[in-house]
Amino acid sequence: MTTRPRARPNVPAPHRPDLRGRTAELAAVHTQVLEGPSPRATEAQHAKGKLTARERIDLLLDEGSFQEVEPLRRHRAQGFGLEAKKPHTDGVVTGWGTVHGRTVFVYAHDFRIFGGALGEAHAQKIHKIMDMALSTGAPLVSLNDGAGARIQEGVTALAGYGGIFRRNTKASGVIPQISVMLGPCAGGAAYSPALTDFVFMVRGISQMFITGPDVVQAVTGEKITHDGLGGADVHAGVSGVSHFAYDDEETCLADVRHLLSLLPQNNREFPPAEPCTDPEDRPCEALLDLVPADGSRPYDMRTVIEEVVDDADHLEIQPTWATNVICTLARIGGSVAGIVANQPHALAGVLDIHASEKAARFVQMCDAFNIPIVTLVDVPGFLPGVDQEHEGIIRHGAKLLYAYCNATVPRIQLILRKAYGGAYIVMDSRSIGADLSYAWPTNEIAVMGAEGAANVIFRRDIAAAEDPEAVRAQKVKEYESELMHPYYAAERGLVDDVIDPARTRAVLARALAMLRLKHADLPSRKHGNQPV
């Protein structure tokens, strides 16, 4: 018996959009992602004087170059109301673009979503972009504006931070890492910026601290504001955590772009050179009047740097912290150089704990990224004092010594005036590996100043004299004529040449050009055990 198929009811087939329809749906989703959670959230962000994550990325990167990664990512967490709130991006925008035509990876916390707090999916997006930056050899910029770990996700959020710290450390010295603080950064989250090469902050909106003001007051009784505890000026001028501080986000991000133009993409490349319109052999006659021959008179070393570098342009690192030493990036003859210089205008240019730490880390950064180092010396010694000794000037000063001795990039020393004692050695002397050492005819290289030396060497003669002051003055002149004349070190091969200050720019430019392809190997080892 044959069974006939039952007739189907007349039901319309389900609607199946074609590709055009699906593409329209996708466009709508992407529009929603770009607009963010709501206009109200955007207004709230702007009311705090803060830009949104995407507005910041637009300022950082070349126009139209941003390519986002995982914009549709959502968290999978359950409980505490999270299952009902699953916004796209999960509170962080990640991707890559270009700055001055060169690839840069970026992630930006979106404070409008979960207050920028880090959860599992959020962290995985950051991990991915950090891995991509390292594998492709391109700089990484983080735009930080987050409330820390997402409490509702518990330990998985903490593990997400651990993954970031591990990647920061792995990428250290391989690719430039820049942290831009554009909001709060508290607790363990503050350690990621501290592990990167440069930290930028904006006054009024940026704060960094391990324990906030409420905890500080509860534990110690000290009452302090968020800015007073960890604001931009505190970290730029007191703690040294931040390298730059600005009044607004636009200026801050413009200088991030400028810094990137002075850095290589990674540790296998040289910094980008630019055509130089400032003649390399330009005479620096102004230097003859800028620097007093009298070693006891102060002057601003920045004026010397501006006279020597291309177009008087340089980017000073940590300009308001440890001001007795200057660390700056500039171009000489179109090529980037790092300049370390004593600053006689502050504490007479002595080296102390903070100055040693500041210069040491700058030297390490330059060495990691193939940036030649020029050291301008005018140092009376290390700062004496019980506090300095008890707080470890020996080990902190040794950090600078270690950094120079370990550096394999081209290194040039120029002694302008004083170079006394251990500070002379530490400031990249020939004895610790400087490739070239030059001096001006005002140089004084000695164990100590003439008066101090005479008081030690001739103390018995001075004490027994009928006119001690006359004998002391005679012995000071004798010491100066024998051991402190400007050619003493050159005669012994510890200075390569004594040069006319007006020729400083030309001498440095030619020396840097000659040393550009310098190659030096360190002993085979896992790593050194540097002073801490």
Protein backbone atom coordinates (compact mmCIF):
# COMPACT_ATOMS: atom_id res chain seq x y z
CA MET A 1 0.00 0.00 0.00
CA THR A 2 1.42 3.31 -1.03
CA THR A 3 1.20 6.18 1.43
CA ARG A 4 0.86 9.58 -0.02
CA PRO A 5 2.84 12.39 1.64
CA ARG A 6 0.66 14.58 3.82
CA ALA A 7 0.17 18.04 2.41
CA ARG A 8 2.09 20.74 4.34
CA PRO A 9 0.16 23.69 5.69
CA ASN A 10 0.66 26.90 3.82
CA VAL A 11 3.28 28.42 6.23
CA PRO A 12 5.73 31.02 4.93
CA ALA A 13 9.43 30.03 5.01
CA PRO A 14 11.56 31.70 7.75
CA HIS A 15 13.17 34.95 6.68
CA ARG A 16 16.84 34.51 5.81
CA PRO A 17 18.53 37.87 5.21
CA ASP A 18 20.91 38.02 2.34
CA LEU A 19 24.51 39.25 2.68
CA ARG A 20 23.43 42.85 2.26
CA GLY A 21 21.04 42.49 5.14
CA ARG A 22 23.67 40.87 7.36
CA THR A 23 26.12 43.62 6.47
CA ALA A 24 23.57 46.24 7.47
CA GLU A 25 23.13 44.47 10.82
CA LEU A 26 26.90 44.46 11.29
CA ALA A 27 27.10 48.17 10.54
CA ALA A 28 24.46 48.86 13.16
CA VAL A 29 26.36 46.81 15.75
CA HIS A 30 29.63 48.60 14.94
CA THR A 31 27.90 51.97 15.19
CA GLN A 32 26.64 51.03 18.64
CA VAL A 33 30.15 49.93 19.66
CA LEU A 34 31.71 53.18 18.46
CA GLU A 35 29.10 55.32 20.22
CA GLY A 36 29.64 53.59 23.54
CA PRO A 37 27.18 52.57 26.22
CA SER A 38 25.06 55.75 26.13
CA PRO A 39 25.20 59.49 25.43
CA ARG A 40 24.70 60.03 29.16
CA ALA A 41 27.87 58.06 29.98
CA THR A 42 29.82 60.09 27.44
CA GLU A 43 28.50 63.33 28.90
CA ALA A 44 29.54 62.18 32.38
CA GLN A 45 33.07 61.46 31.11
CA HIS A 46 33.33 64.88 29.51
CA ALA A 47 31.93 66.54 32.65
CA LYS A 48 34.97 65.24 34.54
CA GLY A 49 37.23 67.01 32.04
CA LYS A 50 38.16 63.69 30.43
CA LEU A 51 38.05 62.45 26.85
CA THR A 52 36.63 59.07 25.89
CA ALA A 53 38.90 56.14 25.02
CA ARG A 54 38.29 56.55 21.28
CA GLU A 55 38.81 60.31 21.34
CA ARG A 56 42.18 59.68 22.99
CA ILE A 57 43.16 57.08 20.41
CA ASP A 58 42.25 59.52 17.64
CA LEU A 59 44.62 62.12 19.15
CA LEU A 60 47.43 59.60 19.57
CA LEU A 61 47.41 57.89 16.18
CA ASP A 62 47.67 59.19 12.63
CA GLU A 63 44.27 60.09 11.25
CA GLY A 64 42.30 57.10 10.00
CA SER A 65 45.01 54.57 10.86
CA PHE A 66 43.40 52.78 13.82
CA GLN A 67 42.51 49.14 13.31
CA GLU A 68 40.54 47.76 16.25
CA VAL A 69 40.91 44.22 17.58
CA GLU A 70 38.03 42.35 19.24
CA PRO A 71 35.53 45.22 19.36
CA LEU A 72 32.67 42.73 19.82
CA ARG A 73 34.22 40.92 22.80
CA ARG A 74 31.94 40.40 25.82
CA HIS A 75 32.58 38.92 29.24
CA ARG A 76 31.17 35.52 30.28
CA ALA A 77 31.00 36.17 34.03
CA GLN A 78 27.95 35.26 36.08
CA GLY A 79 26.59 36.59 39.34
CA PHE A 80 26.31 39.96 41.05
CA GLY A 81 24.25 41.24 38.13
CA LEU A 82 26.99 40.81 35.53
CA GLU A 83 24.98 38.34 33.46
CA ALA A 84 22.49 41.11 32.69
CA LYS A 85 25.14 43.57 31.60
CA LYS A 86 27.43 42.44 28.78
CA PRO A 87 28.52 45.47 26.75
CA HIS A 88 30.71 45.12 23.70
CA THR A 89 34.51 45.76 24.18
CA ASP A 90 34.17 44.88 27.90
CA GLY A 91 35.58 48.28 28.83
CA VAL A 92 38.82 48.35 26.86
CA VAL A 93 39.54 49.39 23.26
CA THR A 94 42.50 47.59 21.70
CA GLY A 95 44.22 47.67 18.32
CA TRP A 96 46.99 49.21 16.29
CA GLY A 97 47.63 52.20 14.07
CA THR A 98 50.50 54.44 13.08
CA VAL A 99 52.33 57.41 14.60
CA HIS A 100 54.30 59.39 12.02
CA GLY A 101 53.74 56.45 9.68
CA ARG A 102 55.19 53.77 11.98
CA THR A 103 53.15 51.00 13.60
CA VAL A 104 52.13 51.43 17.25
CA PHE A 105 49.90 49.16 19.33
CA VAL A 106 47.51 50.69 21.84
CA TYR A 107 44.94 49.80 24.44
CA ALA A 108 42.66 52.31 26.13
CA HIS A 109 40.42 51.76 29.15
CA ASP A 110 36.85 52.94 28.59
CA PHE A 111 35.75 54.39 31.92
CA ARG A 112 32.14 54.51 30.69
CA ILE A 113 31.96 50.72 30.88
CA PHE A 114 32.37 49.19 34.36
CA GLY A 115 34.50 52.21 35.27
CA GLY A 116 37.25 50.73 33.10
CA ALA A 117 37.66 47.95 35.68
CA LEU A 118 39.60 44.89 34.53
CA GLY A 119 37.89 41.51 34.26
CA GLU A 120 38.86 38.27 32.55
CA ALA A 121 37.78 39.19 29.00
CA HIS A 122 39.13 42.71 29.42
CA ALA A 123 42.53 41.33 30.46
CA GLN A 124 42.61 38.80 27.63
CA LYS A 125 42.15 41.60 25.10
CA ILE A 126 45.09 43.46 26.62
CA HIS A 127 47.21 40.29 26.71
CA LYS A 128 46.51 39.72 23.02
CA ILE A 129 47.54 43.22 21.96
CA MET A 130 50.69 43.08 24.13
CA ASP A 131 51.65 39.75 22.54
CA MET A 132 51.10 41.21 19.08
CA ALA A 133 53.25 44.24 19.88
CA LEU A 134 56.10 42.06 21.12
CA SER A 135 55.91 39.54 18.26
CA THR A 136 55.86 42.23 15.57
CA GLY A 137 58.43 44.47 17.27
CA ALA A 138 56.39 47.66 17.63
CA PRO A 139 55.88 50.09 20.54
CA LEU A 140 52.99 49.67 22.97
CA VAL A 141 51.05 52.61 24.42
CA SER A 142 48.51 52.13 27.20
CA LEU A 143 45.89 54.82 27.87
CA ASN A 144 44.99 54.13 31.49
CA ASP A 145 41.66 55.20 32.97
CA GLY A 146 40.37 52.34 35.09
CA ALA A 147 39.06 51.58 38.56
CA GLY A 148 41.31 48.56 39.09
CA ALA A 149 40.26 44.92 39.27
CA ARG A 150 36.59 44.07 38.66
CA ILE A 151 35.52 42.98 42.13
CA GLN A 152 32.61 40.86 40.85
CA GLU A 153 35.02 38.57 38.98
CA GLY A 154 37.28 37.91 41.96
CA VAL A 155 40.58 36.14 41.47
CA THR A 156 40.27 35.91 37.68
CA ALA A 157 40.63 39.69 37.55
CA LEU A 158 43.76 39.54 39.69
CA ALA A 159 45.18 36.83 37.42
CA GLY A 160 44.54 39.18 34.49
CA TYR A 161 46.82 41.77 36.06
CA GLY A 162 49.46 39.13 36.63
CA GLY A 163 49.43 38.39 32.91
CA ILE A 164 49.94 42.07 32.12
CA PHE A 165 52.87 42.39 34.54
CA ARG A 166 54.55 39.31 33.09
CA ARG A 167 54.23 40.67 29.57
CA ASN A 168 55.49 44.13 30.65
CA THR A 169 58.60 42.46 32.01
CA LYS A 170 59.09 40.23 28.97
CA ALA A 171 58.83 43.23 26.64
CA SER A 172 61.14 45.41 28.75
CA GLY A 173 64.12 46.52 26.69
CA VAL A 174 62.65 44.87 23.57
CA ILE A 175 59.95 47.32 22.54
CA PRO A 176 59.24 50.81 23.91
CA GLN A 177 56.38 50.74 26.43
CA ILE A 178 54.61 53.99 27.30
CA SER A 179 51.92 54.39 29.97
CA VAL A 180 49.63 57.41 29.76
CA MET A 181 47.69 57.99 32.98
CA LEU A 182 44.36 59.64 32.18
CA GLY A 183 42.34 58.67 35.23
CA PRO A 184 42.66 56.71 38.47
CA CYS A 185 45.13 53.86 38.87
CA ALA A 186 45.08 52.27 42.30
CA GLY A 187 46.35 49.16 44.01
CA GLY A 188 48.18 46.50 42.03
CA ALA A 189 47.15 48.16 38.77
CA ALA A 190 49.80 50.84 39.42
CA TYR A 191 52.59 48.32 38.95
CA SER A 192 52.09 47.97 35.19
CA PRO A 193 52.95 51.64 34.49
CA ALA A 194 55.91 51.36 36.86
CA LEU A 195 57.25 48.47 34.74
CA THR A 196 57.10 50.47 31.50
CA ASP A 197 59.71 52.81 30.05
CA PHE A 198 57.82 56.11 30.35
CA VAL A 199 54.85 57.36 32.39
CA PHE A 200 52.79 60.40 31.35
CA MET A 201 50.23 62.05 33.67
CA VAL A 202 47.66 64.86 33.38
CA ARG A 203 47.02 67.22 36.26
CA GLY A 204 43.59 67.07 37.84
CA ILE A 205 42.49 63.73 36.35
CA SER A 206 45.40 61.33 36.93
CA GLN A 207 46.19 59.63 40.23
CA MET A 208 48.36 56.64 41.09
CA PHE A 209 48.72 55.01 44.50
CA ILE A 210 48.89 51.59 46.10
CA THR A 211 46.53 52.49 48.98
CA GLY A 212 44.08 55.35 48.65
CA PRO A 213 43.53 58.34 50.95
CA ASP A 214 40.83 56.60 53.00
CA VAL A 215 43.09 53.66 53.81
CA VAL A 216 46.02 55.97 54.56
CA GLN A 217 43.90 57.95 57.00
CA ALA A 218 42.51 54.82 58.65
CA VAL A 219 45.94 53.28 59.16
CA THR A 220 48.18 56.30 59.83
CA GLY A 221 45.78 59.09 60.71
CA GLU A 222 47.12 61.23 57.87
CA LYS A 223 44.46 63.09 55.94
CA ILE A 224 45.24 63.80 52.30
CA THR A 225 43.45 64.29 48.97
CA HIS A 226 43.71 61.98 45.97
CA ASP A 227 45.88 64.49 44.11
CA GLY A 228 47.97 65.19 47.19
CA LEU A 229 48.67 61.49 47.60
CA GLY A 230 49.24 60.44 44.01
CA GLY A 231 48.54 63.27 41.58
CA ALA A 232 50.57 64.22 38.52
CA ASP A 233 52.78 66.81 40.23
CA VAL A 234 53.47 64.50 43.17
CA HIS A 235 54.74 61.71 40.94
CA ALA A 236 56.54 64.06 38.54
CA GLY A 237 58.32 66.09 41.22
CA VAL A 238 58.41 64.07 44.46
CA SER A 239 58.30 60.31 43.88
CA GLY A 240 59.82 60.21 40.39
CA VAL A 241 57.23 57.66 39.24
CA SER A 242 56.03 59.88 36.39
CA HIS A 243 58.31 61.20 33.65
CA PHE A 244 55.99 63.94 32.37
CA ALA A 245 53.06 66.00 33.70
CA TYR A 246 50.66 68.12 31.64
CA ASP A 247 47.68 70.42 32.06
CA ASP A 248 45.53 68.75 29.40
CA GLU A 249 45.18 65.51 27.48
CA GLU A 250 45.76 67.06 24.06
CA THR A 251 49.23 68.38 24.96
CA CYS A 252 50.07 65.14 26.75
CA LEU A 253 49.22 62.94 23.77
CA ALA A 254 51.04 65.29 21.38
CA ASP A 255 54.21 64.75 23.42
CA VAL A 256 53.66 60.98 23.41
CA ARG A 257 53.75 61.22 19.62
CA HIS A 258 56.91 63.35 19.83
CA LEU A 259 58.60 60.82 22.12
CA LEU A 260 57.73 57.97 19.77
CA SER A 261 59.39 59.90 16.92
CA LEU A 262 62.67 59.75 18.89
CA LEU A 263 62.54 56.02 19.68
CA PRO A 264 63.18 52.98 17.50
CA GLN A 265 60.44 50.43 16.92
CA ASN A 266 62.37 47.84 18.91
CA ASN A 267 65.80 46.90 20.22
CA ARG A 268 66.95 45.63 16.82
CA GLU A 269 66.62 49.00 15.13
CA PHE A 270 68.24 52.42 15.38
CA PRO A 271 66.16 55.47 16.28
CA PRO A 272 64.79 57.21 13.19
CA ALA A 273 67.12 59.84 11.73
CA GLU A 274 65.82 63.00 10.12
CA PRO A 275 67.34 65.39 7.58
CA CYS A 276 69.25 68.07 9.46
CA THR A 277 68.88 71.70 8.39
CA ASP A 278 70.99 72.93 11.31
CA PRO A 279 74.63 72.70 10.08
CA GLU A 280 76.59 70.05 11.95
CA ASP A 281 79.67 72.27 12.04
CA ARG A 282 77.78 75.33 13.25
CA PRO A 283 80.07 77.30 15.63
CA CYS A 284 78.77 77.59 19.20
CA GLU A 285 80.36 80.92 20.09
CA ALA A 286 77.64 81.58 22.66
CA LEU A 287 79.07 78.83 24.87
CA LEU A 288 82.10 81.01 25.59
CA ASP A 289 79.81 83.41 27.45
CA LEU A 290 77.17 81.01 28.81
CA VAL A 291 79.49 79.01 31.08
CA PRO A 292 81.48 80.96 33.71
CA ALA A 293 85.13 79.94 34.03
CA ASP A 294 84.79 80.22 37.81
CA GLY A 295 83.72 76.75 38.93
CA SER A 296 81.83 78.13 41.92
CA ARG A 297 79.41 80.17 39.77
CA PRO A 298 76.17 78.44 38.69
CA TYR A 299 74.60 78.43 35.24
CA ASP A 300 71.76 76.58 33.52
CA MET A 301 73.08 73.51 31.69
CA ARG A 302 69.96 73.56 29.52
CA THR A 303 71.36 76.58 27.69
CA VAL A 304 74.45 74.53 26.80
CA ILE A 305 72.31 71.63 25.56
CA GLU A 306 70.13 73.94 23.46
CA GLU A 307 73.21 75.49 21.86
CA VAL A 308 74.64 72.09 20.90
CA VAL A 309 71.62 70.08 19.67
CA ASP A 310 69.73 70.50 16.41
CA ASP A 311 67.54 73.61 16.36
CA ALA A 312 67.77 73.94 20.20
CA ASP A 313 65.10 71.22 20.44
CA HIS A 314 65.18 68.48 23.06
CA LEU A 315 62.68 66.46 25.11
CA GLU A 316 63.69 66.44 28.78
CA ILE A 317 62.79 63.35 30.82
CA GLN A 318 61.63 63.91 34.42
CA PRO A 319 62.38 67.65 34.32
CA THR A 320 60.97 68.35 37.81
CA TRP A 321 62.46 65.40 39.73
CA ALA A 322 66.13 65.18 40.79
CA THR A 323 66.76 68.49 39.03
CA ASN A 324 70.51 68.38 39.78
CA VAL A 325 70.89 66.07 36.78
CA ILE A 326 69.36 66.52 33.32
CA CYS A 327 68.32 63.58 31.14
CA THR A 328 67.04 64.49 27.70
CA LEU A 329 66.58 63.18 24.16
CA ALA A 330 67.65 65.29 21.20
CA ARG A 331 69.08 65.10 17.72
CA ILE A 332 72.65 66.03 16.83
CA GLY A 333 73.24 66.08 13.11
CA GLY A 334 69.82 64.53 12.53
CA SER A 335 70.49 61.43 14.69
CA VAL A 336 68.99 60.83 18.11
CA ALA A 337 71.21 60.96 21.19
CA GLY A 338 70.52 60.70 24.89
CA ILE A 339 72.16 63.44 26.96
CA VAL A 340 73.00 63.09 30.64
CA ALA A 341 74.24 66.32 32.23
CA ASN A 342 74.97 67.68 35.66
CA GLN A 343 72.94 70.81 36.42
CA PRO A 344 75.01 73.43 38.31
CA HIS A 345 71.83 75.48 38.69
CA ALA A 346 70.47 72.93 41.23
CA LEU A 347 72.51 71.77 44.25
CA ALA A 348 75.63 72.86 42.32
CA GLY A 349 75.17 69.77 40.15
CA VAL A 350 76.14 67.24 42.83
CA LEU A 351 75.09 63.63 42.52
CA ASP A 352 72.72 62.34 45.19
CA ILE A 353 70.43 59.33 45.57
CA HIS A 354 67.64 60.56 43.32
CA ALA A 355 69.95 61.97 40.64
CA SER A 356 71.84 58.67 40.50
CA GLU A 357 68.61 56.68 40.10
CA LYS A 358 67.23 59.03 37.47
CA ALA A 359 70.38 59.01 35.35
CA ALA A 360 70.91 55.25 35.75
CA ARG A 361 67.48 54.35 34.40
CA PHE A 362 67.86 56.80 31.53
CA VAL A 363 71.24 55.29 30.58
CA GLN A 364 69.69 51.79 30.69
CA MET A 365 66.82 52.91 28.46
CA CYS A 366 69.20 54.47 25.93
CA ASP A 367 71.36 51.36 25.90
CA ALA A 368 68.33 49.08 25.44
CA PHE A 369 67.13 51.01 22.39
CA ASN A 370 70.43 51.76 20.65
CA ILE A 371 70.51 55.45 21.53
CA PRO A 372 74.06 56.89 21.84
CA ILE A 373 74.83 58.65 25.13
CA VAL A 374 76.53 62.03 25.50
CA THR A 375 77.51 62.93 29.08
CA LEU A 376 78.13 66.58 29.95
CA VAL A 377 80.14 66.77 33.17
CA ASP A 378 80.31 69.57 35.71
CA VAL A 379 80.13 67.78 39.06
CA PRO A 380 81.70 68.68 42.42
CA GLY A 381 81.12 65.19 43.83
CA PHE A 382 78.47 63.23 45.69
CA LEU A 383 76.22 65.02 48.15
CA PRO A 384 77.59 64.56 51.68
CA GLY A 385 75.30 64.01 54.65
CA VAL A 386 74.08 61.52 57.23
CA ASP A 387 70.72 61.11 55.46
CA GLN A 388 72.38 60.31 52.14
CA GLU A 389 74.65 57.71 53.72
CA HIS A 390 71.91 56.10 55.80
CA GLU A 391 69.51 55.96 52.85
CA GLY A 392 72.08 54.15 50.74
CA ILE A 393 73.96 56.60 48.53
CA ILE A 394 76.55 53.85 48.03
CA ARG A 395 74.16 51.38 46.44
CA HIS A 396 72.15 54.08 44.64
CA GLY A 397 75.29 55.69 43.24
CA ALA A 398 76.42 52.24 42.16
CA LYS A 399 73.28 51.98 40.00
CA LEU A 400 74.59 54.75 37.77
CA LEU A 401 78.04 53.21 37.70
CA TYR A 402 76.55 49.82 36.78
CA ALA A 403 74.37 51.33 34.05
CA TYR A 404 77.29 53.05 32.33
CA CYS A 405 79.65 50.08 32.66
CA ASN A 406 76.99 47.78 31.21
CA ALA A 407 76.09 50.04 28.26
CA THR A 408 77.39 49.03 24.83
CA VAL A 409 76.02 51.95 22.79
CA PRO A 410 78.34 54.76 21.67
CA ARG A 411 79.34 56.83 24.71
CA ILE A 412 80.97 60.26 24.66
CA GLN A 413 82.02 62.26 27.72
CA LEU A 414 82.55 66.04 27.70
CA ILE A 415 83.97 67.73 30.80
CA LEU A 416 83.03 71.39 30.96
CA ARG A 417 84.41 72.44 34.35
CA LYS A 418 84.62 70.45 37.60
CA ALA A 419 84.94 66.67 37.71
CA TYR A 420 85.90 65.66 41.23
CA GLY A 421 86.36 62.36 43.00
CA GLY A 422 84.15 59.35 42.50
CA ALA A 423 81.57 61.47 40.71
CA TYR A 424 84.09 62.03 37.88
CA ILE A 425 84.48 58.27 37.49
CA VAL A 426 80.73 57.59 37.63
CA MET A 427 79.89 60.23 35.00
CA ASP A 428 81.10 57.97 32.19
CA SER A 429 84.84 58.49 32.43
CA ARG A 430 87.23 56.75 30.05
CA SER A 431 88.13 54.32 32.85
CA ILE A 432 84.61 52.82 32.88
CA GLY A 433 84.32 52.54 29.12
CA ALA A 434 83.49 55.84 27.45
CA ASP A 435 84.52 55.61 23.80
CA LEU A 436 85.70 59.19 23.66
CA SER A 437 86.34 61.83 26.30
CA TYR A 438 86.68 65.53 25.54
CA ALA A 439 87.21 68.52 27.80
CA TRP A 440 86.98 72.27 27.63
CA PRO A 441 90.01 74.35 28.67
CA THR A 442 88.12 75.17 31.89
CA ASN A 443 88.15 71.54 33.05
CA GLU A 444 89.35 70.61 36.53
CA ILE A 445 89.69 66.86 37.04
CA ALA A 446 90.91 65.86 40.48
CA VAL A 447 90.22 63.78 43.56
CA MET A 448 88.77 66.91 45.18
CA GLY A 449 88.90 70.70 44.93
CA ALA A 450 92.26 72.40 45.36
CA GLU A 451 91.44 73.94 48.73
CA GLY A 452 90.28 70.66 50.23
CA ALA A 453 93.25 68.81 48.78
CA ALA A 454 95.73 71.36 50.13
CA ASN A 455 94.17 71.22 53.58
CA VAL A 456 94.66 67.44 53.65
CA ILE A 457 98.09 67.14 52.04
CA PHE A 458 99.74 70.14 53.71
CA ARG A 459 97.84 70.28 56.98
CA ARG A 460 101.02 70.03 59.09
CA ASP A 461 102.83 72.72 57.09
CA ILE A 462 99.83 75.01 57.35
CA ALA A 463 99.40 74.40 61.09
CA ALA A 464 103.09 75.08 61.82
CA ALA A 465 103.31 78.25 59.72
CA GLU A 466 103.49 81.70 61.23
CA ASP A 467 100.92 82.84 58.65
CA PRO A 468 98.69 79.76 58.04
CA GLU A 469 96.41 81.55 55.55
CA ALA A 470 99.31 82.67 53.38
CA VAL A 471 100.79 79.17 53.37
CA ARG A 472 97.37 77.65 52.62
CA ALA A 473 96.90 79.97 49.62
CA GLN A 474 100.39 79.09 48.37
CA LYS A 475 99.75 75.36 48.68
CA VAL A 476 96.39 75.67 46.92
CA LYS A 477 98.09 77.35 43.95
CA GLU A 478 100.80 74.70 43.99
CA TYR A 479 98.24 71.89 43.88
CA GLU A 480 96.28 73.59 41.10
CA SER A 481 99.38 74.12 38.95
CA GLU A 482 100.64 70.56 39.44
CA LEU A 483 97.48 68.42 39.27
CA MET A 484 94.51 70.52 38.17
CA HIS A 485 95.63 72.31 35.03
CA PRO A 486 93.35 71.67 32.01
CA TYR A 487 95.85 69.44 30.17
CA TYR A 488 96.82 67.10 33.01
CA ALA A 489 94.30 64.35 32.08
CA ALA A 490 94.93 64.78 28.34
CA GLU A 491 98.67 64.32 28.86
CA ARG A 492 97.91 60.97 30.50
CA GLY A 493 95.47 59.78 27.85
CA LEU A 494 92.39 60.01 30.07
CA VAL A 495 90.95 62.78 27.88
CA ASP A 496 91.16 62.42 24.10
CA ASP A 497 91.36 66.13 23.40
CA VAL A 498 90.87 69.53 24.95
CA ILE A 499 88.58 71.39 22.56
CA ASP A 500 87.45 74.92 21.86
CA PRO A 501 83.91 75.20 23.34
CA ALA A 502 82.77 76.83 20.10
CA ARG A 503 83.56 73.56 18.29
CA THR A 504 81.51 71.40 20.68
CA ARG A 505 78.64 70.70 18.29
CA ALA A 506 80.93 69.83 15.38
CA VAL A 507 83.12 67.55 17.53
CA LEU A 508 80.12 65.69 18.98
CA ALA A 509 78.38 65.32 15.60
CA ARG A 510 81.47 63.84 13.94
CA ALA A 511 82.19 61.53 16.85
CA LEU A 512 78.60 60.23 16.91
CA ALA A 513 78.68 59.64 13.15
CA MET A 514 81.91 57.68 13.48
CA LEU A 515 80.57 55.57 16.37
CA ARG A 516 77.19 54.86 14.79
CA LEU A 517 78.04 51.28 13.82
CA LYS A 518 79.97 50.49 17.02
CA HIS A 519 79.59 46.87 18.11
CA ALA A 520 80.44 45.57 21.56
CA ASP A 521 79.56 42.29 23.24
CA LEU A 522 78.91 41.63 26.90
CA PRO A 523 79.99 38.40 28.62
CA SER A 524 77.62 35.47 28.19
CA ARG A 525 75.28 35.44 31.18
CA LYS A 526 71.64 35.20 32.08
CA HIS A 527 71.69 38.74 33.49
CA GLY A 528 73.76 40.83 35.85
CA ASN A 529 72.93 41.37 39.52
CA GLN A 530 72.68 45.14 39.51
CA PRO A 531 72.52 47.20 42.71
CA VAL A 532 69.07 47.92 44.10
